[in-house]
Amino acid sequence: MILVEDSKVIDLSEIMSVPAAPAGYKSGFVGIIGRPNVGKSTLMNRLVGQKIAITSPVAQTTRNRLRGILTTPEAQIIFVDTPGIHKPHHQLGQVLLQNAQIAIKSVDVVLFVVDGSVESGGGDRYIVDLLKNTEIPVILGVNKLDEQPSDCVLIDRTYEQIVNPQWPVVKFSALTGEGVESLQQLLVENLESGPYYYPPDLVTDQPERFIMGELIREQILLVTREEVPHSVAIAIDMIEEEPKITRILASIHVERDSQKGILIGKSGSMLKSIGSAAREQIQKLIEGKVYLELFVKVQPKWRQSRTRLAELGYRVEE
């Protein structure tokens, strides 16, 4: 198993001890796809039992293909949370779309998540078209069961009209957990026998540095609006571990001076608020005290530049 971290290629077998799976054990990769903001990241966090993917009310929260790992006595499921599939408007959007399409082709099962509280739309039909010729098993996951109206016949009918009738359908709420156990069992049924791909106690294959950056970006998504959220990228510049504290320096990259002003706020109040909230989340991740210092840098049109995207960790994955 190979992991690409920044520009380095790491052989996971050299750094992790992976035991042999028992006879008849199942394992495989499940790609979670869907339109932006249908609850894919919330679902993966629920399935693995720990927060590894950021969530927010802002569409297009997920930017990287983030793997979450669920290990049970009967199966190991590696979930691949993909960026919401939508028509790209810049180079970053194009990279995200390509990575989502690659994920569809490289997994054992596709979980197509839709928002069950609203009728299907053009974005859903676009994804159905992408899946038409795939030979990979597809499961339709109808999320937001807790938000569905009591009479949701019309909503269900709009999805019945566009999806393949052979796809199994399961309704659930990623937020409350209702129906998630049934979804998990259906996923296991669609997997083949296989080994442990990762140690049973691992919940993600992403390095802590990546998760730290995402936790900072999540706080920005939660407190800013308009053009700021989608123009933000995080770079972890330094991590210094001491016996009693971990010191982290991070840069917040934006595209305009006006966005920098918004993030800093009056007398630095906004940046202080973001840093304080992010520090609390990071302390839960590493289970220790954290000193976090944030800097805001302007990188004009970074989302349009493949070079800038690569520098900030965004690339088309093979």
C-alpha atoms as a PDB file:
ATOM      1  CA  MET A   1       0.000   0.000   0.000  1.00  0.00           C
ATOM      2  CA  ILE A   2       1.527   3.339  -1.102  1.00  0.00           C
ATOM      3  CA  LEU A   3       0.704   6.792   0.306  1.00  0.00           C
ATOM      4  CA  VAL A   4       1.736  10.038  -1.357  1.00  0.00           C
ATOM      5  CA  GLU A   5       2.427  12.793   1.200  1.00  0.00           C
ATOM      6  CA  ASP A   6       3.460  16.111  -0.329  1.00  0.00           C
ATOM      7  CA  SER A   7       6.240  15.141  -2.759  1.00  0.00           C
ATOM      8  CA  LYS A   8       7.304  11.992  -0.911  1.00  0.00           C
ATOM      9  CA  VAL A   9       6.176   8.462  -1.633  1.00  0.00           C
ATOM     10  CA  ILE A  10       5.815   6.337   1.481  1.00  0.00           C
ATOM     11  CA  ASP A  11       5.488   2.560   1.572  1.00  0.00           C
ATOM     12  CA  LEU A  12       2.920   2.024   4.326  1.00  0.00           C
ATOM     13  CA  SER A  13       4.052  -1.559   4.836  1.00  0.00           C
ATOM     14  CA  GLU A  14       7.368  -0.184   6.130  1.00  0.00           C
ATOM     15  CA  ILE A  15       5.807   2.053   8.797  1.00  0.00           C
ATOM     16  CA  MET A  16       2.639   0.209   9.822  1.00  0.00           C
ATOM     17  CA  SER A  17       2.164  -3.301  11.101  1.00  0.00           C
ATOM     18  CA  VAL A  18      -0.875  -4.745   9.357  1.00  0.00           C
ATOM     19  CA  PRO A  19      -2.066  -8.114  10.739  1.00  0.00           C
ATOM     20  CA  ALA A  20      -3.487 -10.913   8.643  1.00  0.00           C
ATOM     21  CA  ALA A  21      -7.268 -10.900   8.364  1.00  0.00           C
ATOM     22  CA  PRO A  22      -9.261 -13.941   9.537  1.00  0.00           C
ATOM     23  CA  ALA A  23     -10.684 -16.380   7.011  1.00  0.00           C
ATOM     24  CA  GLY A  24     -13.760 -15.080   5.210  1.00  0.00           C
ATOM     25  CA  TYR A  25     -13.021 -11.479   6.158  1.00  0.00           C
ATOM     26  CA  LYS A  26     -14.250  -8.768   3.802  1.00  0.00           C
ATOM     27  CA  SER A  27     -12.597  -5.513   2.826  1.00  0.00           C
ATOM     28  CA  GLY A  28     -12.675  -2.874   0.137  1.00  0.00           C
ATOM     29  CA  PHE A  29     -12.914   0.768  -0.866  1.00  0.00           C
ATOM     30  CA  VAL A  30     -16.202   2.673  -0.958  1.00  0.00           C
ATOM     31  CA  GLY A  31     -16.371   5.952  -2.870  1.00  0.00           C
ATOM     32  CA  ILE A  32     -18.822   8.461  -1.380  1.00  0.00           C
ATOM     33  CA  ILE A  33     -20.008  10.781  -4.153  1.00  0.00           C
ATOM     34  CA  GLY A  34     -22.790  13.305  -4.580  1.00  0.00           C
ATOM     35  CA  ARG A  35     -23.586  16.948  -5.137  1.00  0.00           C
ATOM     36  CA  PRO A  36     -21.999  19.543  -2.840  1.00  0.00           C
ATOM     37  CA  ASN A  37     -23.475  19.822   0.660  1.00  0.00           C
ATOM     38  CA  VAL A  38     -25.513  16.598   0.713  1.00  0.00           C
ATOM     39  CA  GLY A  39     -23.769  15.410   3.890  1.00  0.00           C
ATOM     40  CA  LYS A  40     -20.982  13.167   2.597  1.00  0.00           C
ATOM     41  CA  SER A  41     -18.378  14.283   5.150  1.00  0.00           C
ATOM     42  CA  THR A  42     -20.876  14.135   8.017  1.00  0.00           C
ATOM     43  CA  LEU A  43     -21.716  10.578   6.948  1.00  0.00           C
ATOM     44  CA  MET A  44     -18.083   9.470   6.861  1.00  0.00           C
ATOM     45  CA  ASN A  45     -17.440  10.941  10.309  1.00  0.00           C
ATOM     46  CA  ARG A  46     -20.492   9.057  11.572  1.00  0.00           C
ATOM     47  CA  LEU A  47     -19.369   5.770   9.995  1.00  0.00           C
ATOM     48  CA  VAL A  48     -15.812   5.823  11.328  1.00  0.00           C
ATOM     49  CA  GLY A  49     -16.956   7.117  14.717  1.00  0.00           C
ATOM     50  CA  GLN A  50     -14.572  10.072  14.800  1.00  0.00           C
ATOM     51  CA  LYS A  51     -14.255  13.502  13.224  1.00  0.00           C
ATOM     52  CA  ILE A  52     -11.730  13.277  10.401  1.00  0.00           C
ATOM     53  CA  ALA A  53     -13.530  15.321   7.718  1.00  0.00           C
ATOM     54  CA  ILE A  54     -14.584  18.928   8.170  1.00  0.00           C
ATOM     55  CA  THR A  55     -18.207  19.929   7.785  1.00  0.00           C
ATOM     56  CA  SER A  56     -19.977  23.262   7.359  1.00  0.00           C
ATOM     57  CA  PRO A  57     -23.141  24.769   5.864  1.00  0.00           C
ATOM     58  CA  VAL A  58     -20.996  26.017   2.970  1.00  0.00           C
ATOM     59  CA  ALA A  59     -21.182  23.910  -0.192  1.00  0.00           C
ATOM     60  CA  GLN A  60     -17.965  22.385  -1.556  1.00  0.00           C
ATOM     61  CA  THR A  61     -16.363  21.933   1.865  1.00  0.00           C
ATOM     62  CA  THR A  62     -14.353  18.840   0.879  1.00  0.00           C
ATOM     63  CA  ARG A  63     -11.407  19.482  -1.434  1.00  0.00           C
ATOM     64  CA  ASN A  64      -9.253  16.379  -1.077  1.00  0.00           C
ATOM     65  CA  ARG A  65     -10.056  12.720  -1.434  1.00  0.00           C
ATOM     66  CA  LEU A  66     -10.029  11.906   2.261  1.00  0.00           C
ATOM     67  CA  ARG A  67      -9.958   8.280   3.358  1.00  0.00           C
ATOM     68  CA  GLY A  68     -11.800   7.170   6.473  1.00  0.00           C
ATOM     69  CA  ILE A  69     -11.306   3.628   7.784  1.00  0.00           C
ATOM     70  CA  LEU A  70     -13.955   1.552   9.543  1.00  0.00           C
ATOM     71  CA  THR A  71     -12.813  -1.799  10.922  1.00  0.00           C
ATOM     72  CA  THR A  72     -15.388  -4.213  12.343  1.00  0.00           C
ATOM     73  CA  PRO A  73     -15.192  -7.934  13.228  1.00  0.00           C
ATOM     74  CA  GLU A  74     -16.570  -8.785   9.769  1.00  0.00           C
ATOM     75  CA  ALA A  75     -15.066  -6.190   7.436  1.00  0.00           C
ATOM     76  CA  GLN A  76     -12.685  -3.296   6.900  1.00  0.00           C
ATOM     77  CA  ILE A  77     -14.257  -0.521   4.824  1.00  0.00           C
ATOM     78  CA  ILE A  78     -12.108   2.304   3.486  1.00  0.00           C
ATOM     79  CA  PHE A  79     -14.347   5.270   2.685  1.00  0.00           C
ATOM     80  CA  VAL A  80     -13.168   7.760   0.083  1.00  0.00           C
ATOM     81  CA  ASP A  81     -14.916  11.093   0.675  1.00  0.00           C
ATOM     82  CA  THR A  82     -14.798  13.032  -2.591  1.00  0.00           C
ATOM     83  CA  PRO A  83     -15.393  16.712  -3.411  1.00  0.00           C
ATOM     84  CA  GLY A  84     -18.995  17.478  -4.329  1.00  0.00           C
ATOM     85  CA  ILE A  85     -19.454  16.978  -8.056  1.00  0.00           C
ATOM     86  CA  HIS A  86     -20.440  20.179  -9.847  1.00  0.00           C
ATOM     87  CA  LYS A  87     -19.571  22.188 -12.952  1.00  0.00           C
ATOM     88  CA  PRO A  88     -16.084  23.680 -12.365  1.00  0.00           C
ATOM     89  CA  HIS A  89     -15.588  27.451 -12.628  1.00  0.00           C
ATOM     90  CA  HIS A  90     -11.798  27.622 -12.109  1.00  0.00           C
ATOM     91  CA  GLN A  91      -8.682  25.435 -12.161  1.00  0.00           C
ATOM     92  CA  LEU A  92      -9.233  24.299  -8.570  1.00  0.00           C
ATOM     93  CA  GLY A  93     -12.771  23.208  -9.466  1.00  0.00           C
ATOM     94  CA  GLN A  94     -11.431  21.277 -12.450  1.00  0.00           C
ATOM     95  CA  VAL A  95      -8.889  19.457 -10.267  1.00  0.00           C
ATOM     96  CA  LEU A  96     -11.583  18.587  -7.706  1.00  0.00           C
ATOM     97  CA  LEU A  97     -13.909  17.248 -10.404  1.00  0.00           C
ATOM     98  CA  GLN A  98     -11.142  15.131 -11.938  1.00  0.00           C
ATOM     99  CA  ASN A  99     -10.273  13.678  -8.530  1.00  0.00           C
ATOM    100  CA  ALA A 100     -13.916  12.780  -7.887  1.00  0.00           C
ATOM    101  CA  GLN A 101     -14.145  11.082 -11.288  1.00  0.00           C
ATOM    102  CA  ILE A 102     -10.936   9.148 -10.627  1.00  0.00           C
ATOM    103  CA  ALA A 103     -12.348   7.983  -7.293  1.00  0.00           C
ATOM    104  CA  ILE A 104     -15.403   6.534  -9.041  1.00  0.00           C
ATOM    105  CA  LYS A 105     -13.169   4.315 -11.158  1.00  0.00           C
ATOM    106  CA  SER A 106     -10.837   3.176  -8.379  1.00  0.00           C
ATOM    107  CA  VAL A 107     -13.203   1.854  -5.691  1.00  0.00           C
ATOM    108  CA  ASP A 108     -15.045  -1.424  -5.126  1.00  0.00           C
ATOM    109  CA  VAL A 109     -18.452   0.131  -4.342  1.00  0.00           C
ATOM    110  CA  VAL A 110     -19.910   3.551  -5.112  1.00  0.00           C
ATOM    111  CA  LEU A 111     -22.201   5.147  -2.522  1.00  0.00           C
ATOM    112  CA  PHE A 112     -24.171   7.856  -4.335  1.00  0.00           C
ATOM    113  CA  VAL A 113     -25.500  10.185  -1.624  1.00  0.00           C
ATOM    114  CA  VAL A 114     -28.451  12.476  -2.325  1.00  0.00           C
ATOM    115  CA  ASP A 115     -30.345  14.996  -0.211  1.00  0.00           C
ATOM    116  CA  GLY A 116     -33.608  13.262   0.636  1.00  0.00           C
ATOM    117  CA  SER A 117     -35.221  16.464   1.894  1.00  0.00           C
ATOM    118  CA  VAL A 118     -35.469  17.982  -1.608  1.00  0.00           C
ATOM    119  CA  GLU A 119     -36.367  16.778  -5.084  1.00  0.00           C
ATOM    120  CA  SER A 120     -33.646  15.583  -7.435  1.00  0.00           C
ATOM    121  CA  GLY A 121     -32.039  18.172  -9.691  1.00  0.00           C
ATOM    122  CA  GLY A 122     -29.679  18.638 -12.590  1.00  0.00           C
ATOM    123  CA  GLY A 123     -26.631  17.926 -10.445  1.00  0.00           C
ATOM    124  CA  ASP A 124     -28.021  14.518  -9.497  1.00  0.00           C
ATOM    125  CA  ARG A 125     -28.783  13.714 -13.127  1.00  0.00           C
ATOM    126  CA  TYR A 126     -25.226  14.670 -14.094  1.00  0.00           C
ATOM    127  CA  ILE A 127     -23.826  12.178 -11.562  1.00  0.00           C
ATOM    128  CA  VAL A 128     -26.230   9.470 -12.723  1.00  0.00           C
ATOM    129  CA  ASP A 129     -24.874   9.974 -16.257  1.00  0.00           C
ATOM    130  CA  LEU A 130     -21.323   9.554 -14.939  1.00  0.00           C
ATOM    131  CA  LEU A 131     -22.337   6.255 -13.339  1.00  0.00           C
ATOM    132  CA  LYS A 132     -24.344   4.861 -16.264  1.00  0.00           C
ATOM    133  CA  ASN A 133     -21.590   2.705 -17.747  1.00  0.00           C
ATOM    134  CA  THR A 134     -19.793   1.720 -14.573  1.00  0.00           C
ATOM    135  CA  GLU A 135     -19.588  -1.969 -13.709  1.00  0.00           C
ATOM    136  CA  ILE A 136     -18.894  -1.136 -10.060  1.00  0.00           C
ATOM    137  CA  PRO A 137     -21.821  -1.788  -7.682  1.00  0.00           C
ATOM    138  CA  VAL A 138     -23.728   1.414  -6.900  1.00  0.00           C
ATOM    139  CA  ILE A 139     -25.848   2.057  -3.801  1.00  0.00           C
ATOM    140  CA  LEU A 140     -28.185   5.038  -3.621  1.00  0.00           C
ATOM    141  CA  GLY A 141     -27.994   6.593  -0.174  1.00  0.00           C
ATOM    142  CA  VAL A 142     -30.847   8.984   0.635  1.00  0.00           C
ATOM    143  CA  ASN A 143     -29.543  11.237   3.396  1.00  0.00           C
ATOM    144  CA  LYS A 144     -31.240  13.760   5.701  1.00  0.00           C
ATOM    145  CA  LEU A 145     -34.017  11.401   6.759  1.00  0.00           C
ATOM    146  CA  ASP A 146     -34.484  13.660   9.788  1.00  0.00           C
ATOM    147  CA  GLU A 147     -35.399  16.560   7.472  1.00  0.00           C
ATOM    148  CA  GLN A 148     -37.757  14.673   5.169  1.00  0.00           C
ATOM    149  CA  PRO A 149     -41.393  15.800   5.171  1.00  0.00           C
ATOM    150  CA  SER A 150     -43.892  13.260   6.476  1.00  0.00           C
ATOM    151  CA  ASP A 151     -45.203  12.771   2.933  1.00  0.00           C
ATOM    152  CA  CYS A 152     -42.111  12.463   0.756  1.00  0.00           C
ATOM    153  CA  VAL A 153     -43.650  10.460  -2.117  1.00  0.00           C
ATOM    154  CA  LEU A 154     -42.979  13.246  -4.631  1.00  0.00           C
ATOM    155  CA  ILE A 155     -39.338  13.542  -3.571  1.00  0.00           C
ATOM    156  CA  ASP A 156     -38.813   9.784  -3.803  1.00  0.00           C
ATOM    157  CA  ARG A 157     -40.485   9.708  -7.226  1.00  0.00           C
ATOM    158  CA  THR A 158     -38.100  12.288  -8.677  1.00  0.00           C
ATOM    159  CA  TYR A 159     -35.155  10.061  -7.773  1.00  0.00           C
ATOM    160  CA  GLU A 160     -36.874   6.914  -9.014  1.00  0.00           C
ATOM    161  CA  GLN A 161     -37.212   8.580 -12.410  1.00  0.00           C
ATOM    162  CA  ILE A 162     -33.500   9.258 -12.860  1.00  0.00           C
ATOM    163  CA  VAL A 163     -31.582   6.425 -11.146  1.00  0.00           C
ATOM    164  CA  ASN A 164     -30.973   2.851 -12.221  1.00  0.00           C
ATOM    165  CA  PRO A 165     -33.810   0.742 -10.730  1.00  0.00           C
ATOM    166  CA  GLN A 166     -31.299  -2.026  -9.971  1.00  0.00           C
ATOM    167  CA  TRP A 167     -29.410   0.149  -7.485  1.00  0.00           C
ATOM    168  CA  PRO A 168     -30.226  -0.747  -3.868  1.00  0.00           C
ATOM    169  CA  VAL A 169     -31.680   2.199  -1.947  1.00  0.00           C
ATOM    170  CA  VAL A 170     -31.181   2.945   1.744  1.00  0.00           C
ATOM    171  CA  LYS A 171     -32.468   5.942   3.703  1.00  0.00           C
ATOM    172  CA  PHE A 172     -30.575   7.355   6.662  1.00  0.00           C
ATOM    173  CA  SER A 173     -29.635  10.451   8.615  1.00  0.00           C
ATOM    174  CA  ALA A 174     -25.905  11.098   8.872  1.00  0.00           C
ATOM    175  CA  LEU A 175     -26.683  13.717  11.520  1.00  0.00           C
ATOM    176  CA  THR A 176     -28.700  11.545  13.936  1.00  0.00           C
ATOM    177  CA  GLY A 177     -27.386   8.109  12.924  1.00  0.00           C
ATOM    178  CA  GLU A 178     -30.824   6.723  12.062  1.00  0.00           C
ATOM    179  CA  GLY A 179     -30.514   4.076   9.347  1.00  0.00           C
ATOM    180  CA  VAL A 180     -26.693   4.241   9.227  1.00  0.00           C
ATOM    181  CA  GLU A 181     -26.323   0.719  10.624  1.00  0.00           C
ATOM    182  CA  SER A 182     -28.477  -0.633   7.779  1.00  0.00           C
ATOM    183  CA  LEU A 183     -26.352   1.283   5.292  1.00  0.00           C
ATOM    184  CA  GLN A 184     -23.172  -0.157   6.789  1.00  0.00           C
ATOM    185  CA  GLN A 185     -24.523  -3.705   6.542  1.00  0.00           C
ATOM    186  CA  LEU A 186     -25.506  -3.171   2.891  1.00  0.00           C
ATOM    187  CA  LEU A 187     -21.998  -1.953   2.116  1.00  0.00           C
ATOM    188  CA  VAL A 188     -20.459  -5.030   3.738  1.00  0.00           C
ATOM    189  CA  GLU A 189     -22.735  -7.283   1.682  1.00  0.00           C
ATOM    190  CA  ASN A 190     -21.376  -5.694  -1.500  1.00  0.00           C
ATOM    191  CA  LEU A 191     -17.704  -6.238  -0.621  1.00  0.00           C
ATOM    192  CA  GLU A 192     -15.566  -9.241  -1.549  1.00  0.00           C
ATOM    193  CA  SER A 193     -13.290 -11.221   0.736  1.00  0.00           C
ATOM    194  CA  GLY A 194     -10.041  -9.386   1.340  1.00  0.00           C
ATOM    195  CA  PRO A 195      -7.219  -8.458   3.735  1.00  0.00           C
ATOM    196  CA  TYR A 196      -6.723  -5.686   6.229  1.00  0.00           C
ATOM    197  CA  TYR A 197      -5.456  -2.762   4.180  1.00  0.00           C
ATOM    198  CA  TYR A 198      -4.662  -0.766   7.314  1.00  0.00           C
ATOM    199  CA  PRO A 199      -4.071  -1.532  10.992  1.00  0.00           C
ATOM    200  CA  PRO A 200      -7.461  -2.124  12.681  1.00  0.00           C
ATOM    201  CA  ASP A 201      -7.056   0.851  15.042  1.00  0.00           C
ATOM    202  CA  LEU A 202      -6.458   3.410  12.268  1.00  0.00           C
ATOM    203  CA  VAL A 203      -9.354   5.719  11.281  1.00  0.00           C
ATOM    204  CA  THR A 204      -7.684   7.669   8.444  1.00  0.00           C
ATOM    205  CA  ASP A 205      -4.590   7.459   6.261  1.00  0.00           C
ATOM    206  CA  GLN A 206      -4.084  11.220   6.219  1.00  0.00           C
ATOM    207  CA  PRO A 207      -1.170  12.685   8.185  1.00  0.00           C
ATOM    208  CA  GLU A 208      -1.941  14.849  11.228  1.00  0.00           C
ATOM    209  CA  ARG A 209      -0.548  17.887   9.384  1.00  0.00           C
ATOM    210  CA  PHE A 210      -3.317  17.620   6.791  1.00  0.00           C
ATOM    211  CA  ILE A 211      -6.060  17.205   9.398  1.00  0.00           C
ATOM    212  CA  MET A 212      -4.743  20.223  11.329  1.00  0.00           C
ATOM    213  CA  GLY A 213      -4.996  22.380   8.203  1.00  0.00           C
ATOM    214  CA  GLU A 214      -8.523  21.179   7.562  1.00  0.00           C
ATOM    215  CA  LEU A 215      -9.605  21.971  11.126  1.00  0.00           C
ATOM    216  CA  ILE A 216      -8.347  25.538  10.673  1.00  0.00           C
ATOM    217  CA  ARG A 217     -10.168  25.846   7.345  1.00  0.00           C
ATOM    218  CA  GLU A 218     -13.367  24.542   8.937  1.00  0.00           C
ATOM    219  CA  GLN A 219     -13.426  27.420  11.406  1.00  0.00           C
ATOM    220  CA  ILE A 220     -13.002  29.898   8.551  1.00  0.00           C
ATOM    221  CA  LEU A 221     -15.924  28.286   6.725  1.00  0.00           C
ATOM    222  CA  LEU A 222     -18.078  28.602   9.822  1.00  0.00           C
ATOM    223  CA  VAL A 223     -17.445  32.294  10.525  1.00  0.00           C
ATOM    224  CA  THR A 224     -17.082  33.839   7.058  1.00  0.00           C
ATOM    225  CA  ARG A 225     -19.508  34.212   4.169  1.00  0.00           C
ATOM    226  CA  GLU A 226     -19.677  35.446   0.586  1.00  0.00           C
ATOM    227  CA  GLU A 227     -16.458  35.075  -1.419  1.00  0.00           C
ATOM    228  CA  VAL A 228     -14.060  34.239   1.417  1.00  0.00           C
ATOM    229  CA  PRO A 229     -14.637  30.487   2.124  1.00  0.00           C
ATOM    230  CA  HIS A 230     -13.870  29.223  -1.378  1.00  0.00           C
ATOM    231  CA  SER A 231     -10.789  31.448  -1.725  1.00  0.00           C
ATOM    232  CA  VAL A 232      -9.010  30.026   1.328  1.00  0.00           C
ATOM    233  CA  ALA A 233      -6.210  27.466   1.476  1.00  0.00           C
ATOM    234  CA  ILE A 234      -4.202  26.453   4.537  1.00  0.00           C
ATOM    235  CA  ALA A 235      -0.509  25.624   4.723  1.00  0.00           C
ATOM    236  CA  ILE A 236       1.012  24.217   7.915  1.00  0.00           C
ATOM    237  CA  ASP A 237       4.428  25.881   7.957  1.00  0.00           C
ATOM    238  CA  MET A 238       5.860  24.385  11.134  1.00  0.00           C
ATOM    239  CA  ILE A 239       5.039  21.831  13.827  1.00  0.00           C
ATOM    240  CA  GLU A 240       7.318  21.785  16.859  1.00  0.00           C
ATOM    241  CA  GLU A 241       6.580  19.144  19.468  1.00  0.00           C
ATOM    242  CA  GLU A 242       7.729  19.795  23.031  1.00  0.00           C
ATOM    243  CA  PRO A 243       7.092  17.653  26.134  1.00  0.00           C
ATOM    244  CA  LYS A 244       4.185  19.794  27.358  1.00  0.00           C
ATOM    245  CA  ILE A 245       2.983  21.624  24.233  1.00  0.00           C
ATOM    246  CA  THR A 246       2.839  21.400  20.436  1.00  0.00           C
ATOM    247  CA  ARG A 247       3.597  24.654  18.612  1.00  0.00           C
ATOM    248  CA  ILE A 248       2.034  25.130  15.189  1.00  0.00           C
ATOM    249  CA  LEU A 249       2.570  27.924  12.682  1.00  0.00           C
ATOM    250  CA  ALA A 250       0.104  28.047   9.790  1.00  0.00           C
ATOM    251  CA  SER A 251      -0.560  30.337   6.826  1.00  0.00           C
ATOM    252  CA  ILE A 252      -4.020  31.174   5.529  1.00  0.00           C
ATOM    253  CA  HIS A 253      -3.828  31.932   1.811  1.00  0.00           C
ATOM    254  CA  VAL A 254      -6.468  34.160   0.192  1.00  0.00           C
ATOM    255  CA  GLU A 255      -6.760  35.834  -3.204  1.00  0.00           C
ATOM    256  CA  ARG A 256      -7.519  39.469  -2.319  1.00  0.00           C
ATOM    257  CA  ASP A 257      -6.481  42.107   0.206  1.00  0.00           C
ATOM    258  CA  SER A 258     -10.155  42.593   1.083  1.00  0.00           C
ATOM    259  CA  GLN A 259     -10.402  38.922   2.078  1.00  0.00           C
ATOM    260  CA  LYS A 260      -7.291  39.291   4.221  1.00  0.00           C
ATOM    261  CA  GLY A 261      -8.929  42.232   5.995  1.00  0.00           C
ATOM    262  CA  ILE A 262     -12.078  40.212   6.670  1.00  0.00           C
ATOM    263  CA  LEU A 263     -10.108  37.299   8.142  1.00  0.00           C
ATOM    264  CA  ILE A 264      -7.981  39.502  10.366  1.00  0.00           C
ATOM    265  CA  GLY A 265     -10.933  41.634  11.525  1.00  0.00           C
ATOM    266  CA  LYS A 266     -10.885  44.747  13.656  1.00  0.00           C
ATOM    267  CA  SER A 267      -7.733  44.769  15.797  1.00  0.00           C
ATOM    268  CA  GLY A 268      -7.199  41.096  14.835  1.00  0.00           C
ATOM    269  CA  SER A 269     -10.445  39.956  16.486  1.00  0.00           C
ATOM    270  CA  MET A 270     -11.575  37.620  13.692  1.00  0.00           C
ATOM    271  CA  LEU A 271      -8.207  35.887  13.350  1.00  0.00           C
ATOM    272  CA  LYS A 272      -8.019  35.475  17.122  1.00  0.00           C
ATOM    273  CA  SER A 273     -11.485  33.882  17.161  1.00  0.00           C
ATOM    274  CA  ILE A 274     -10.591  31.504  14.303  1.00  0.00           C
ATOM    275  CA  GLY A 275      -7.336  30.534  15.984  1.00  0.00           C
ATOM    276  CA  SER A 276      -8.938  29.906  19.356  1.00  0.00           C
ATOM    277  CA  ALA A 277     -11.659  27.640  17.939  1.00  0.00           C
ATOM    278  CA  ALA A 278      -9.197  25.770  15.688  1.00  0.00           C
ATOM    279  CA  ARG A 279      -6.794  25.264  18.597  1.00  0.00           C
ATOM    280  CA  GLU A 280      -9.545  23.571  20.621  1.00  0.00           C
ATOM    281  CA  GLN A 281     -10.258  21.150  17.769  1.00  0.00           C
ATOM    282  CA  ILE A 282      -6.573  20.388  17.186  1.00  0.00           C
ATOM    283  CA  GLN A 283      -6.072  19.687  20.900  1.00  0.00           C
ATOM    284  CA  LYS A 284      -8.764  16.995  20.618  1.00  0.00           C
ATOM    285  CA  LEU A 285      -6.919  15.534  17.634  1.00  0.00           C
ATOM    286  CA  ILE A 286      -3.501  15.252  19.290  1.00  0.00           C
ATOM    287  CA  GLU A 287      -4.791  14.969  22.873  1.00  0.00           C
ATOM    288  CA  GLY A 288      -2.438  17.623  24.201  1.00  0.00           C
ATOM    289  CA  LYS A 289      -1.900  21.355  24.656  1.00  0.00           C
ATOM    290  CA  VAL A 290      -1.452  23.410  21.482  1.00  0.00           C
ATOM    291  CA  TYR A 291      -0.020  26.832  20.699  1.00  0.00           C
ATOM    292  CA  LEU A 292      -1.349  27.960  17.300  1.00  0.00           C
ATOM    293  CA  GLU A 293      -0.165  31.029  15.428  1.00  0.00           C
ATOM    294  CA  LEU A 294      -1.892  32.058  12.195  1.00  0.00           C
ATOM    295  CA  PHE A 295      -0.717  34.335   9.389  1.00  0.00           C
ATOM    296  CA  VAL A 296      -2.818  35.576   6.459  1.00  0.00           C
ATOM    297  CA  LYS A 297      -1.117  35.832   3.062  1.00  0.00           C
ATOM    298  CA  VAL A 298      -2.464  37.134  -0.250  1.00  0.00           C
ATOM    299  CA  GLN A 299      -1.840  34.888  -3.280  1.00  0.00           C
ATOM    300  CA  PRO A 300      -3.734  36.486  -6.204  1.00  0.00           C
ATOM    301  CA  LYS A 301      -5.726  34.017  -8.327  1.00  0.00           C
ATOM    302  CA  TRP A 302      -4.175  30.961  -6.640  1.00  0.00           C
ATOM    303  CA  ARG A 303      -7.201  28.857  -7.633  1.00  0.00           C
ATOM    304  CA  GLN A 304      -6.433  29.529 -11.310  1.00  0.00           C
ATOM    305  CA  SER A 305      -2.772  28.471 -11.150  1.00  0.00           C
ATOM    306  CA  ARG A 306      -1.751  24.812 -11.363  1.00  0.00           C
ATOM    307  CA  THR A 307       1.614  25.746  -9.840  1.00  0.00           C
ATOM    308  CA  ARG A 308       0.014  27.436  -6.846  1.00  0.00           C
ATOM    309  CA  LEU A 309      -2.444  24.569  -6.452  1.00  0.00           C
ATOM    310  CA  ALA A 310       0.422  22.066  -6.359  1.00  0.00           C
ATOM    311  CA  GLU A 311       2.294  24.173  -3.791  1.00  0.00           C
ATOM    312  CA  LEU A 312      -0.798  24.185  -1.570  1.00  0.00           C
ATOM    313  CA  GLY A 313      -1.287  20.419  -1.866  1.00  0.00           C
ATOM    314  CA  TYR A 314      -3.972  20.232  -4.576  1.00  0.00           C
ATOM    315  CA  ARG A 315      -3.170  17.918  -7.456  1.00  0.00           C
ATOM    316  CA  VAL A 316      -4.928  15.478  -9.733  1.00  0.00           C
ATOM    317  CA  GLU A 317      -4.521  12.113  -8.043  1.00  0.00           C
ATOM    318  CA  GLU A 318      -3.557   9.082 -10.104  1.00  0.00           C
END
